[in-house]
Amino acid sequence: MGLLSDPVRRRALARLVLRLNAPLCVLSYVAGIAWFLALVFPPLTQRTYMSENAMGSTMVEEQFAGGDRARAFARDFAAHRKKSGALPVAWLERTMRSVGLEVYTQSFSRKLPFPDETHERYVLGEWGVPGPRAHLGGRGLGWVSPWRVSWGQEAQWEGKSLVGIGGLEKGGLQRPTTVTLRSPPPYCIQMVSGTNVYGILRAPRAASTESLVLTVPCGSDSTNSQAVGLLLALAAHFRGQIYWAKDIIFLVTEHDLLGTEAWLEAYHDVNVTGMQSSPLQGRAGAIQAAVALELSSDVVTSLDVAVEGLNGQLPNLDLLNLFQTFCQKGGLLCTLQGKLQPQDWTSLDGPLQGLQTLLLMVLRQASGRPHGSHGLFLRYRVEALTLRGINSFRQYKYDLVAVGKALEGMFRKLNHLLERLHQSFFLYLLPALSRFVSIGLYMPAAGFLLLVLGLKALELWMQLHEAEVGVEEPGGAPGPSVPLPPSQGVGLASLVAPLLISQAMGLALYVLPVLGQHVATQHFPVAEAEAVVLTLLAIYAAGLALPHNTHRPLSCRVVSTQAPDRGWMALKLVALIYLALQLGCIALTNFSLGFLLATTMVPAAALAKPHGPRTLYAALLVLTSPAATLLGSLFLWRELQEAPLSLAEGWQLFLAALAQGVLEHHTYGALLFPLLSLGLYPCWLLFWNVLFWK
């Protein structure tokens, strides 16, 4: 404290900080990147181990032998689904009852803010259209788009022909159909409706206080028949066992994640996404763990596990260790991010392969998307993961019996749990299935990057509050410090306009694309999803030209001509603190997102100033903006998957990612879109203001 209270020592410290600030910033940034790259090398990466005593041994005898029965169930399910064009609810109910389960159904519906063209959820059913609705034989037409051609149908409104009906793409109509709309709907909101089917196996040895879930998602664009067949075969096998101490729920959901979210909200009696669903007629105990299964072939060469959940949540590491243990016991080949496990960590090849897997996990976790149905269970404090069967050209293949035995072993060990999984890690990174990096070892990487912002903020603060820092008299003694009058101080009034305008642009980026899509579709030949993306890009680009002009008249009156740099220095100080707080909070909850944004935004934020090579600084700011970071992440992701993109393919994938980000925020509550639009984009605009300060 004496060092800071003594003016002479404080000025000496200030001179030292100012002189060494640039080298310290460079050293801190390089240390952060180097620390992250070193995470794949021992001893920073550690071997995984089982922390829960109840699951520490695999001494259970798997008896599942229903491979033929699973394939028969899968063929029947695929035939009935192809015949009905939707989930065969009646067949599932009959089959589940025949194996001895308590069977219940749940209907749900969800209004999407705009059509989900990625998954093409065009279903016949009532759609949220204000005013009169068009009907065909008593059935709702669905989304009517004057720019979509499908199956050659023709729709008419007041004698004028519309080109096509998007809602009839998957409806199964085989001939052109003419429909007359009595009045034009102002806008159409797609209503997705479906039905979930679940059966409950009651525990014969305990009350219904705890339960486990085996779920299979069925989407309109996914072939998951073998997973449904294996689920039914496992249900029949489990029904004949007497050692179950927990209820087991066998769940088949329609429309992938939408059906899963509807069932979870109804099961926990909450409504966090605006889902409309019928109440559940049958319940089991509190869900302790869940496994989602995705199989598209009767044989698999490997099982790939997905752990990334909504907003970067991860399951307890013991659940992942349990999966790996039973794969090793049964001889199943298991992969993570589609990558095989490195065998030799002593040479350089093993850590380099682990770095690819680690980067893939960072990119997927940073997206905030649930990469499987398990991702929505994590929101309700249910440990879950998704298993995907991969059928490639490898020599060794495994049938449904091997997969079923692995699942049986996992459920038998989970059946032994006396409490929720809590002893192992919830925050970790995975360079391989057998290796992990705990939070205490990877957080310093983000800390070093954020230290750069702290050092630059400290430099600006000293320059603003020490008028004579670095200025000495000819004799070598520091000159006297002259206190500045309020009119020559920081000039906080000059910061109000840039701050308000930047936040207003972020609010417009968050609100206007969805609200203004209907106006855009009425005046331009674009679909709703395209209108949302184009509005996003237009507002994003408009922010580059608007805010940096707003401070000029006000700053000229407030900031003295003797201290022309105080305005932009004060604005940059506020922006640096704002960015450091945001990135720090993000890194605590989703390290991958925080580290990725810090890696790109910190250098440009530290270098931004209205002097020097402004063109170079402007190019660096644009290349490190949130949108450019997203675009670059897509190219890096596909490069790591060994499926590189061309520029045109990358741009199309970028546009699709923008639409999916907005849709998933409004549908599931993903936070990436509001974080970027309401937080990081306005903060980035502040640095753009600093760059063009006059």
Foldseek 3Di string as FASTA:
>chain_A
DVCCVDVVSVLVVLLVLLVCLVVLLVVLQVVLVVLQLCCLAPPLKDFDAADDPLLRDLPDDFDQDCLVQLVVQLVVQVVCCVVVLFGPQVVVQVLLVVLPWAKWKKKWKDWFLFDQPVQLLQEWADWPFPDDFWDDPNIGLFAAALQDAALQAWEEEPRRIRRHRSSCNSVPDNDHDYTYDDDDTLHIIGMHMDMKMKTKQAQQPEAQAEEEEEEEEDESPASQSSVVSLLSSLSSVVNPDRPFHYMYMYIYAYRFQLRLLQVVCLQVVHDDQPMGMDHIPDHGHHYQAYEYEGERDQKFQAKEKDAQAALLWGFFLNLLVLLVVLCVVLVGQYWYPPDHQDDDSVDPVRSVLLVLSQLLSLLVSLLRHGPGNQRQVVVVVHGYMYIYGHHDPDDDMGGSSSVSSSVVSSVVSVSSDPDHPDRGARAWTTSTSRIIRGPVSSVSSLVSLLVSLVSLLVSLVCVQQFVQNPPDDPVGHGDDGDDDPQLAHLQVVLQPQLLVVLLVLLVCLLPVLSVVLSVCVVVDVDGSLVSSLVSNVVSLVVLLPPRLVPSPVVCVRRHDPVCSQSHLSVLLSVLSVLLSVLLVVSCVSRVSNSSLLSSQQSVLSSPQAQDDPLVVSVVSLVCSAPLNSLLVSVQSNCVSVVRGDDPVRSVVVSSSSVSVSSRCCSRPNRCPSSCRSNGRSSSSSSSSSRRSHD
